[in-house]
Structure formats: structure tokens, C-alpha cells
Amino acid sequence: MAAASLYTAVVVEEEMRELNLPSGYKFCPLDTELVLHYLKRKILGQQLPADIIKTVTDLYKVNPNQLPLSEFKYGMENVWYFFTTRPKGESQHK
């Protein structure tokens, strides 16, 4: 079931068009799936298995009310995924 979750995309990131998925499909990847199939590919500039993780520039400066949460129609309740960059000069060790 974990591998199947990779292909349960609902919204394509840039084109914002819905995929035709049967009722009941949810995007609920494991941490390892997020790293290996999404983050690693995003960093390497490779095609993602499903382009549903939004890119939010300056995520930490955005008011939570301004995040595109309504676009996550088939994800787990109150769980959202975003790509963002760490502010320059911010330490990796906190």
C-alpha cells in the first residue's frame, strides 16, 4: 500500500489540474517516500512521481492563513506538504 500512495496525486503543482482518481484515495506518504521519491528528485531536478507538493517561497514568513491548504483535497486531515528553502545563514543545528 505504501508504494501505491506515491501515485495518489490530486493536483499538479504548476498546472493545478485535477487527476481522475477513484473516491477514497489519499496522499499519505511515509517519511522515506517523501525523502527518496520527492525531496531527492526535487533537489536533482528530476520529475516527481506526482507533482502535488506545493512550493512556497519564504514559507516561514507567510501567514498560515495564506497557505494554499484548500488545494490538498485528498490528503490526510490537517496534514500538508510544502517545498521551501531554508533562509540563508540559518544554522542546520538548532
PDB file of N, CA and C in Angstrom:
ATOM      1  N   MET A   1       0.821  -1.205   0.000  1.00  0.00           N
ATOM      2  CA  MET A   1       0.000   0.000   0.000  1.00  0.00           C
ATOM      3  C   MET A   1       0.853   1.253   0.000  1.00  0.00           C
ATOM      4  N   ALA A   2       2.047   1.210   0.651  1.00  0.00           N
ATOM      5  CA  ALA A   2       2.907   2.382   0.731  1.00  0.00           C
ATOM      6  C   ALA A   2       3.333   2.849  -0.649  1.00  0.00           C
ATOM      7  N   ALA A   3       3.722   1.933  -1.523  1.00  0.00           N
ATOM      8  CA  ALA A   3       4.138   2.312  -2.866  1.00  0.00           C
ATOM      9  C   ALA A   3       2.980   2.928  -3.641  1.00  0.00           C
ATOM     10  N   ALA A   4       1.798   2.433  -3.433  1.00  0.00           N
ATOM     11  CA  ALA A   4       0.632   2.972  -4.131  1.00  0.00           C
ATOM     12  C   ALA A   4       0.361   4.411  -3.728  1.00  0.00           C
ATOM     13  N   SER A   5       0.732   4.787  -2.510  1.00  0.00           N
ATOM     14  CA  SER A   5       0.469   6.149  -2.051  1.00  0.00           C
ATOM     15  C   SER A   5       1.251   7.179  -2.845  1.00  0.00           C
ATOM     16  N   LEU A   6       2.322   6.759  -3.524  1.00  0.00           N
ATOM     17  CA  LEU A   6       3.112   7.685  -4.324  1.00  0.00           C
ATOM     18  C   LEU A   6       2.323   8.237  -5.502  1.00  0.00           C
ATOM     19  N   TYR A   7       1.337   7.492  -5.957  1.00  0.00           N
ATOM     20  CA  TYR A   7       0.627   7.880  -7.162  1.00  0.00           C
ATOM     21  C   TYR A   7      -0.794   8.346  -6.893  1.00  0.00           C
ATOM     22  N   THR A   8      -1.042   8.801  -5.707  1.00  0.00           N
ATOM     23  CA  THR A   8      -2.392   9.245  -5.363  1.00  0.00           C
ATOM     24  C   THR A   8      -2.508  10.758  -5.421  1.00  0.00           C
ATOM     25  N   ALA A   9      -1.848  11.360  -6.382  1.00  0.00           N
ATOM     26  CA  ALA A   9      -1.842  12.809  -6.520  1.00  0.00           C
ATOM     27  C   ALA A   9      -3.215  13.330  -6.899  1.00  0.00           C
ATOM     28  N   VAL A  10      -3.505  14.516  -6.453  1.00  0.00           N
ATOM     29  CA  VAL A  10      -4.770  15.143  -6.782  1.00  0.00           C
ATOM     30  C   VAL A  10      -4.554  16.369  -7.653  1.00  0.00           C
ATOM     31  N   VAL A  11      -3.568  17.177  -7.331  1.00  0.00           N
ATOM     32  CA  VAL A  11      -3.381  18.429  -8.032  1.00  0.00           C
ATOM     33  C   VAL A  11      -1.966  18.501  -8.572  1.00  0.00           C
ATOM     34  N   VAL A  12      -1.801  18.854  -9.819  1.00  0.00           N
ATOM     35  CA  VAL A  12      -0.477  19.044 -10.386  1.00  0.00           C
ATOM     36  C   VAL A  12      -0.011  20.423  -9.969  1.00  0.00           C
ATOM     37  N   GLU A  13       1.229  20.520  -9.426  1.00  0.00           N
ATOM     38  CA  GLU A  13       1.731  21.738  -8.787  1.00  0.00           C
ATOM     39  C   GLU A  13       1.585  22.971  -9.665  1.00  0.00           C
ATOM     40  N   GLU A  14       2.079  22.965 -10.882  1.00  0.00           N
ATOM     41  CA  GLU A  14       2.070  24.175 -11.692  1.00  0.00           C
ATOM     42  C   GLU A  14       0.791  24.339 -12.501  1.00  0.00           C
ATOM     43  N   GLU A  15       0.250  23.269 -13.003  1.00  0.00           N
ATOM     44  CA  GLU A  15      -0.924  23.372 -13.856  1.00  0.00           C
ATOM     45  C   GLU A  15      -2.223  23.381 -13.068  1.00  0.00           C
ATOM     46  N   MET A  16      -2.187  22.904 -11.827  1.00  0.00           N
ATOM     47  CA  MET A  16      -3.337  22.923 -10.932  1.00  0.00           C
ATOM     48  C   MET A  16      -4.563  22.248 -11.547  1.00  0.00           C
ATOM     49  N   ARG A  17      -4.344  21.151 -12.252  1.00  0.00           N
ATOM     50  CA  ARG A  17      -5.488  20.428 -12.801  1.00  0.00           C
ATOM     51  C   ARG A  17      -5.660  19.131 -12.038  1.00  0.00           C
ATOM     52  N   GLU A  18      -6.894  18.759 -11.829  1.00  0.00           N
ATOM     53  CA  GLU A  18      -7.176  17.569 -11.030  1.00  0.00           C
ATOM     54  C   GLU A  18      -6.953  16.300 -11.837  1.00  0.00           C
ATOM     55  N   LEU A  19      -6.485  15.277 -11.149  1.00  0.00           N
ATOM     56  CA  LEU A  19      -6.371  13.952 -11.736  1.00  0.00           C
ATOM     57  C   LEU A  19      -7.661  13.202 -11.462  1.00  0.00           C
ATOM     58  N   ASN A  20      -7.954  12.246 -12.298  1.00  0.00           N
ATOM     59  CA  ASN A  20      -9.162  11.442 -12.107  1.00  0.00           C
ATOM     60  C   ASN A  20      -8.817  10.228 -11.264  1.00  0.00           C
ATOM     61  N   LEU A  21      -9.067  10.314  -9.978  1.00  0.00           N
ATOM     62  CA  LEU A  21      -8.786   9.219  -9.061  1.00  0.00           C
ATOM     63  C   LEU A  21     -10.088   8.710  -8.460  1.00  0.00           C
ATOM     64  N   PRO A  22     -10.145   7.415  -8.212  1.00  0.00           N
ATOM     65  CA  PRO A  22     -11.336   6.872  -7.564  1.00  0.00           C
ATOM     66  C   PRO A  22     -11.515   7.465  -6.168  1.00  0.00           C
ATOM     67  N   SER A  23     -12.726   7.524  -5.725  1.00  0.00           N
ATOM     68  CA  SER A  23     -13.024   8.017  -4.392  1.00  0.00           C
ATOM     69  C   SER A  23     -12.293   7.179  -3.352  1.00  0.00           C
ATOM     70  N   GLY A  24     -11.751   7.834  -2.346  1.00  0.00           N
ATOM     71  CA  GLY A  24     -11.076   7.121  -1.263  1.00  0.00           C
ATOM     72  C   GLY A  24      -9.565   7.177  -1.313  1.00  0.00           C
ATOM     73  N   TYR A  25      -8.981   7.587  -2.429  1.00  0.00           N
ATOM     74  CA  TYR A  25      -7.527   7.675  -2.495  1.00  0.00           C
ATOM     75  C   TYR A  25      -7.035   8.847  -1.664  1.00  0.00           C
ATOM     76  N   LYS A  26      -5.951   8.634  -0.939  1.00  0.00           N
ATOM     77  CA  LYS A  26      -5.356   9.667  -0.087  1.00  0.00           C
ATOM     78  C   LYS A  26      -3.861   9.738  -0.357  1.00  0.00           C
ATOM     79  N   PHE A  27      -3.293  10.919  -0.243  1.00  0.00           N
ATOM     80  CA  PHE A  27      -1.849  11.107  -0.334  1.00  0.00           C
ATOM     81  C   PHE A  27      -1.322  11.065   1.093  1.00  0.00           C
ATOM     82  N   CYS A  28      -0.715   9.974   1.466  1.00  0.00           N
ATOM     83  CA  CYS A  28      -0.191   9.819   2.827  1.00  0.00           C
ATOM     84  C   CYS A  28       1.135   9.049   2.770  1.00  0.00           C
ATOM     85  N   PRO A  29       2.182   9.696   2.226  1.00  0.00           N
ATOM     86  CA  PRO A  29       3.470   9.026   2.067  1.00  0.00           C
ATOM     87  C   PRO A  29       4.191   8.835   3.395  1.00  0.00           C
ATOM     88  N   LEU A  30       5.034   7.823   3.432  1.00  0.00           N
ATOM     89  CA  LEU A  30       5.922   7.605   4.576  1.00  0.00           C
ATOM     90  C   LEU A  30       7.064   8.611   4.493  1.00  0.00           C
ATOM     91  N   ASP A  31       7.762   8.848   5.605  1.00  0.00           N
ATOM     92  CA  ASP A  31       8.895   9.775   5.606  1.00  0.00           C
ATOM     93  C   ASP A  31       9.932   9.376   4.563  1.00  0.00           C
ATOM     94  N   THR A  32      10.235   8.084   4.469  1.00  0.00           N
ATOM     95  CA  THR A  32      11.234   7.626   3.495  1.00  0.00           C
ATOM     96  C   THR A  32      10.763   7.871   2.069  1.00  0.00           C
ATOM     97  N   GLU A  33       9.477   7.746   1.808  1.00  0.00           N
ATOM     98  CA  GLU A  33       8.948   8.034   0.475  1.00  0.00           C
ATOM     99  C   GLU A  33       9.081   9.518   0.158  1.00  0.00           C
ATOM    100  N   LEU A  34       8.801  10.368   1.126  1.00  0.00           N
ATOM    101  CA  LEU A  34       8.953  11.804   0.908  1.00  0.00           C
ATOM    102  C   LEU A  34      10.388  12.157   0.541  1.00  0.00           C
ATOM    103  N   VAL A  35      11.344  11.594   1.271  1.00  0.00           N
ATOM    104  CA  VAL A  35      12.756  11.914   1.030  1.00  0.00           C
ATOM    105  C   VAL A  35      13.230  11.329  -0.295  1.00  0.00           C
ATOM    106  N   LEU A  36      12.988  10.047  -0.516  1.00  0.00           N
ATOM    107  CA  LEU A  36      13.521   9.373  -1.703  1.00  0.00           C
ATOM    108  C   LEU A  36      12.794   9.720  -2.996  1.00  0.00           C
ATOM    109  N   HIS A  37      11.488   9.832  -2.946  1.00  0.00           N
ATOM    110  CA  HIS A  37      10.718  10.000  -4.170  1.00  0.00           C
ATOM    111  C   HIS A  37      10.297  11.439  -4.457  1.00  0.00           C
ATOM    112  N   TYR A  38      10.410  12.313  -3.484  1.00  0.00           N
ATOM    113  CA  TYR A  38      10.014  13.699  -3.704  1.00  0.00           C
ATOM    114  C   TYR A  38      11.175  14.659  -3.468  1.00  0.00           C
ATOM    115  N   LEU A  39      11.699  14.730  -2.245  1.00  0.00           N
ATOM    116  CA  LEU A  39      12.742  15.704  -1.932  1.00  0.00           C
ATOM    117  C   LEU A  39      14.001  15.470  -2.760  1.00  0.00           C
ATOM    118  N   LYS A  40      14.491  14.252  -2.806  1.00  0.00           N
ATOM    119  CA  LYS A  40      15.708  13.948  -3.570  1.00  0.00           C
ATOM    120  C   LYS A  40      15.519  14.297  -5.045  1.00  0.00           C
ATOM    121  N   ARG A  41      14.399  13.902  -5.611  1.00  0.00           N
ATOM    122  CA  ARG A  41      14.137  14.197  -7.025  1.00  0.00           C
ATOM    123  C   ARG A  41      13.982  15.696  -7.270  1.00  0.00           C
ATOM    124  N   LYS A  42      13.361  16.392  -6.339  1.00  0.00           N
ATOM    125  CA  LYS A  42      13.202  17.849  -6.471  1.00  0.00           C
ATOM    126  C   LYS A  42      14.573  18.515  -6.485  1.00  0.00           C
ATOM    127  N   ILE A  43      15.459  18.109  -5.574  1.00  0.00           N
ATOM    128  CA  ILE A  43      16.804  18.676  -5.496  1.00  0.00           C
ATOM    129  C   ILE A  43      17.591  18.394  -6.773  1.00  0.00           C
ATOM    130  N   LEU A  44      17.446  17.188  -7.323  1.00  0.00           N
ATOM    131  CA  LEU A  44      18.180  16.793  -8.528  1.00  0.00           C
ATOM    132  C   LEU A  44      17.529  17.291  -9.819  1.00  0.00           C
ATOM    133  N   GLY A  45      16.381  17.963  -9.692  1.00  0.00           N
ATOM    134  CA  GLY A  45      15.691  18.487 -10.864  1.00  0.00           C
ATOM    135  C   GLY A  45      15.018  17.408 -11.696  1.00  0.00           C
ATOM    136  N   GLN A  46      14.720  16.279 -11.083  1.00  0.00           N
ATOM    137  CA  GLN A  46      14.074  15.173 -11.782  1.00  0.00           C
ATOM    138  C   GLN A  46      12.555  15.275 -11.646  1.00  0.00           C
ATOM    139  N   GLN A  47      11.865  14.569 -12.537  1.00  0.00           N
ATOM    140  CA  GLN A  47      10.401  14.559 -12.483  1.00  0.00           C
ATOM    141  C   GLN A  47       9.939  13.834 -11.223  1.00  0.00           C
ATOM    142  N   LEU A  48       8.964  14.410 -10.565  1.00  0.00           N
ATOM    143  CA  LEU A  48       8.397  13.805  -9.363  1.00  0.00           C
ATOM    144  C   LEU A  48       7.350  12.776  -9.761  1.00  0.00           C
ATOM    145  N   PRO A  49       7.131  11.755  -8.930  1.00  0.00           N
ATOM    146  CA  PRO A  49       6.114  10.759  -9.258  1.00  0.00           C
ATOM    147  C   PRO A  49       4.716  11.366  -9.339  1.00  0.00           C
ATOM    148  N   ALA A  50       4.483  12.410  -8.589  1.00  0.00           N
ATOM    149  CA  ALA A  50       3.223  13.153  -8.626  1.00  0.00           C
ATOM    150  C   ALA A  50       3.538  14.556  -8.133  1.00  0.00           C
ATOM    151  N   ASP A  51       3.192  15.556  -8.921  1.00  0.00           N
ATOM    152  CA  ASP A  51       3.512  16.939  -8.570  1.00  0.00           C
ATOM    153  C   ASP A  51       2.419  17.562  -7.713  1.00  0.00           C
ATOM    154  N   ILE A  52       2.309  17.117  -6.484  1.00  0.00           N
ATOM    155  CA  ILE A  52       1.248  17.662  -5.638  1.00  0.00           C
ATOM    156  C   ILE A  52       1.777  18.417  -4.437  1.00  0.00           C
ATOM    157  N   ILE A  53       3.073  18.368  -4.208  1.00  0.00           N
ATOM    158  CA  ILE A  53       3.642  19.105  -3.080  1.00  0.00           C
ATOM    159  C   ILE A  53       3.921  20.518  -3.561  1.00  0.00           C
ATOM    160  N   LYS A  54       3.285  21.468  -2.938  1.00  0.00           N
ATOM    161  CA  LYS A  54       3.396  22.864  -3.338  1.00  0.00           C
ATOM    162  C   LYS A  54       4.748  23.446  -2.946  1.00  0.00           C
ATOM    163  N   THR A  55       5.233  24.383  -3.761  1.00  0.00           N
ATOM    164  CA  THR A  55       6.431  25.139  -3.424  1.00  0.00           C
ATOM    165  C   THR A  55       5.975  26.476  -2.868  1.00  0.00           C
ATOM    166  N   VAL A  56       6.410  26.798  -1.676  1.00  0.00           N
ATOM    167  CA  VAL A  56       6.061  28.066  -1.042  1.00  0.00           C
ATOM    168  C   VAL A  56       7.361  28.801  -0.741  1.00  0.00           C
ATOM    169  N   THR A  57       7.567  29.916  -1.423  1.00  0.00           N
ATOM    170  CA  THR A  57       8.747  30.727  -1.183  1.00  0.00           C
ATOM    171  C   THR A  57       8.588  31.422   0.161  1.00  0.00           C
ATOM    172  N   ASP A  58       9.639  31.435   0.938  1.00  0.00           N
ATOM    173  CA  ASP A  58       9.629  32.080   2.260  1.00  0.00           C
ATOM    174  C   ASP A  58       8.491  31.550   3.136  1.00  0.00           C
ATOM    175  N   LEU A  59       8.378  30.259   3.217  1.00  0.00           N
ATOM    176  CA  LEU A  59       7.319  29.615   4.000  1.00  0.00           C
ATOM    177  C   LEU A  59       7.241  30.160   5.420  1.00  0.00           C
ATOM    178  N   TYR A  60       8.394  30.439   6.014  1.00  0.00           N
ATOM    179  CA  TYR A  60       8.427  30.868   7.411  1.00  0.00           C
ATOM    180  C   TYR A  60       8.015  32.328   7.589  1.00  0.00           C
ATOM    181  N   LYS A  61       7.849  33.051   6.486  1.00  0.00           N
ATOM    182  CA  LYS A  61       7.401  34.441   6.560  1.00  0.00           C
ATOM    183  C   LYS A  61       5.924  34.586   6.195  1.00  0.00           C
ATOM    184  N   VAL A  62       5.319  33.501   5.727  1.00  0.00           N
ATOM    185  CA  VAL A  62       3.927  33.530   5.269  1.00  0.00           C
ATOM    186  C   VAL A  62       2.984  33.298   6.440  1.00  0.00           C
ATOM    187  N   ASN A  63       1.924  34.081   6.472  1.00  0.00           N
ATOM    188  CA  ASN A  63       0.882  33.874   7.464  1.00  0.00           C
ATOM    189  C   ASN A  63       0.210  32.536   7.162  1.00  0.00           C
ATOM    190  N   PRO A  64       0.008  31.670   8.153  1.00  0.00           N
ATOM    191  CA  PRO A  64      -0.621  30.365   7.903  1.00  0.00           C
ATOM    192  C   PRO A  64      -1.954  30.457   7.169  1.00  0.00           C
ATOM    193  N   ASN A  65      -2.678  31.545   7.351  1.00  0.00           N
ATOM    194  CA  ASN A  65      -3.959  31.719   6.660  1.00  0.00           C
ATOM    195  C   ASN A  65      -3.786  31.919   5.159  1.00  0.00           C
ATOM    196  N   GLN A  66      -2.554  32.221   4.708  1.00  0.00           N
ATOM    197  CA  GLN A  66      -2.294  32.464   3.295  1.00  0.00           C
ATOM    198  C   GLN A  66      -1.759  31.229   2.569  1.00  0.00           C
ATOM    199  N   LEU A  67      -1.550  30.128   3.276  1.00  0.00           N
ATOM    200  CA  LEU A  67      -1.058  28.907   2.643  1.00  0.00           C
ATOM    201  C   LEU A  67      -2.169  28.263   1.815  1.00  0.00           C
ATOM    202  N   PRO A  68      -1.816  27.635   0.689  1.00  0.00           N
ATOM    203  CA  PRO A  68      -2.834  27.050  -0.202  1.00  0.00           C
ATOM    204  C   PRO A  68      -3.381  25.717   0.308  1.00  0.00           C
ATOM    205  N   LEU A  69      -3.935  25.715   1.501  1.00  0.00           N
ATOM    206  CA  LEU A  69      -4.395  24.470   2.119  1.00  0.00           C
ATOM    207  C   LEU A  69      -5.603  23.864   1.413  1.00  0.00           C
ATOM    208  N   SER A  70      -6.421  24.682   0.802  1.00  0.00           N
ATOM    209  CA  SER A  70      -7.621  24.163   0.141  1.00  0.00           C
ATOM    210  C   SER A  70      -7.289  23.310  -1.078  1.00  0.00           C
ATOM    211  N   GLU A  71      -6.054  23.382  -1.559  1.00  0.00           N
ATOM    212  CA  GLU A  71      -5.652  22.602  -2.732  1.00  0.00           C
ATOM    213  C   GLU A  71      -5.340  21.150  -2.384  1.00  0.00           C
ATOM    214  N   PHE A  72      -5.256  20.817  -1.119  1.00  0.00           N
ATOM    215  CA  PHE A  72      -4.971  19.454  -0.692  1.00  0.00           C
ATOM    216  C   PHE A  72      -6.285  18.735  -0.404  1.00  0.00           C
ATOM    217  N   LYS A  73      -6.974  18.360  -1.446  1.00  0.00           N
ATOM    218  CA  LYS A  73      -8.312  17.790  -1.307  1.00  0.00           C
ATOM    219  C   LYS A  73      -8.319  16.346  -0.829  1.00  0.00           C
ATOM    220  N   TYR A  74      -7.299  15.575  -1.181  1.00  0.00           N
ATOM    221  CA  TYR A  74      -7.330  14.156  -0.866  1.00  0.00           C
ATOM    222  C   TYR A  74      -6.208  13.729   0.064  1.00  0.00           C
ATOM    223  N   GLY A  75      -5.630  14.657   0.793  1.00  0.00           N
ATOM    224  CA  GLY A  75      -4.606  14.312   1.767  1.00  0.00           C
ATOM    225  C   GLY A  75      -5.232  13.926   3.092  1.00  0.00           C
ATOM    226  N   MET A  76      -4.378  13.605   4.021  1.00  0.00           N
ATOM    227  CA  MET A  76      -4.866  13.286   5.363  1.00  0.00           C
ATOM    228  C   MET A  76      -5.350  14.574   6.014  1.00  0.00           C
ATOM    229  N   GLU A  77      -6.310  14.468   6.889  1.00  0.00           N
ATOM    230  CA  GLU A  77      -6.878  15.646   7.536  1.00  0.00           C
ATOM    231  C   GLU A  77      -5.809  16.384   8.333  1.00  0.00           C
ATOM    232  N   ASN A  78      -5.729  17.685   8.132  1.00  0.00           N
ATOM    233  CA  ASN A  78      -4.795  18.575   8.829  1.00  0.00           C
ATOM    234  C   ASN A  78      -3.329  18.216   8.606  1.00  0.00           C
ATOM    235  N   VAL A  79      -2.993  17.636   7.446  1.00  0.00           N
ATOM    236  CA  VAL A  79      -1.608  17.330   7.085  1.00  0.00           C
ATOM    237  C   VAL A  79      -1.357  17.893   5.693  1.00  0.00           C
ATOM    238  N   TRP A  80      -0.328  18.736   5.565  1.00  0.00           N
ATOM    239  CA  TRP A  80       0.001  19.352   4.292  1.00  0.00           C
ATOM    240  C   TRP A  80       1.497  19.250   4.064  1.00  0.00           C
ATOM    241  N   TYR A  81       1.909  19.232   2.802  1.00  0.00           N
ATOM    242  CA  TYR A  81       3.318  19.133   2.439  1.00  0.00           C
ATOM    243  C   TYR A  81       3.691  20.314   1.558  1.00  0.00           C
ATOM    244  N   PHE A  82       4.871  20.899   1.830  1.00  0.00           N
ATOM    245  CA  PHE A  82       5.369  22.021   1.050  1.00  0.00           C
ATOM    246  C   PHE A  82       6.856  21.855   0.805  1.00  0.00           C
ATOM    247  N   PHE A  83       7.324  22.334  -0.356  1.00  0.00           N
ATOM    248  CA  PHE A  83       8.748  22.505  -0.599  1.00  0.00           C
ATOM    249  C   PHE A  83       9.060  23.954  -0.277  1.00  0.00           C
ATOM    250  N   THR A  84      10.171  24.195   0.378  1.00  0.00           N
ATOM    251  CA  THR A  84      10.632  25.548   0.633  1.00  0.00           C
ATOM    252  C   THR A  84      12.134  25.489   0.814  1.00  0.00           C
ATOM    253  N   THR A  85      12.768  26.635   0.836  1.00  0.00           N
ATOM    254  CA  THR A  85      14.207  26.680   1.080  1.00  0.00           C
ATOM    255  C   THR A  85      14.456  27.271   2.454  1.00  0.00           C
ATOM    256  N   ARG A  86      15.552  26.862   3.025  1.00  0.00           N
ATOM    257  CA  ARG A  86      15.946  27.386   4.326  1.00  0.00           C
ATOM    258  C   ARG A  86      16.539  28.785   4.109  1.00  0.00           C
ATOM    259  N   PRO A  87      16.200  29.746   4.960  1.00  0.00           N
ATOM    260  CA  PRO A  87      16.787  31.084   4.822  1.00  0.00           C
ATOM    261  C   PRO A  87      18.313  31.008   4.890  1.00  0.00           C
ATOM    262  N   LYS A  88      18.974  31.794   4.042  1.00  0.00           N
ATOM    263  CA  LYS A  88      20.439  31.797   4.019  1.00  0.00           C
ATOM    264  C   LYS A  88      20.990  32.204   5.373  1.00  0.00           C
ATOM    265  N   GLY A  89      22.048  31.532   5.769  1.00  0.00           N
ATOM    266  CA  GLY A  89      22.697  31.839   7.032  1.00  0.00           C
ATOM    267  C   GLY A  89      22.080  31.148   8.227  1.00  0.00           C
ATOM    268  N   GLU A  90      20.955  30.478   8.033  1.00  0.00           N
ATOM    269  CA  GLU A  90      20.320  29.782   9.152  1.00  0.00           C
ATOM    270  C   GLU A  90      21.088  28.501   9.440  1.00  0.00           C
ATOM    271  N   SER A  91      21.385  28.287  10.680  1.00  0.00           N
ATOM    272  CA  SER A  91      22.143  27.110  11.097  1.00  0.00           C
ATOM    273  C   SER A  91      21.316  25.849  10.921  1.00  0.00           C
ATOM    274  N   GLN A  92      21.992  24.757  10.555  1.00  0.00           N
ATOM    275  CA  GLN A  92      21.312  23.479  10.442  1.00  0.00           C
ATOM    276  C   GLN A  92      21.128  22.844  11.806  1.00  0.00           C
ATOM    277  N   HIS A  93      21.849  23.315  12.797  1.00  0.00           N
ATOM    278  CA  HIS A  93      21.781  22.734  14.143  1.00  0.00           C
ATOM    279  C   HIS A  93      21.083  23.705  15.075  1.00  0.00           C
ATOM    280  N   LYS A  94      19.929  23.329  15.545  1.00  0.00           N
ATOM    281  CA  LYS A  94      19.182  24.192  16.477  1.00  0.00           C
ATOM    282  C   LYS A  94      18.951  23.465  17.750  1.00  0.00           C
TER     283      LYS A  94
END
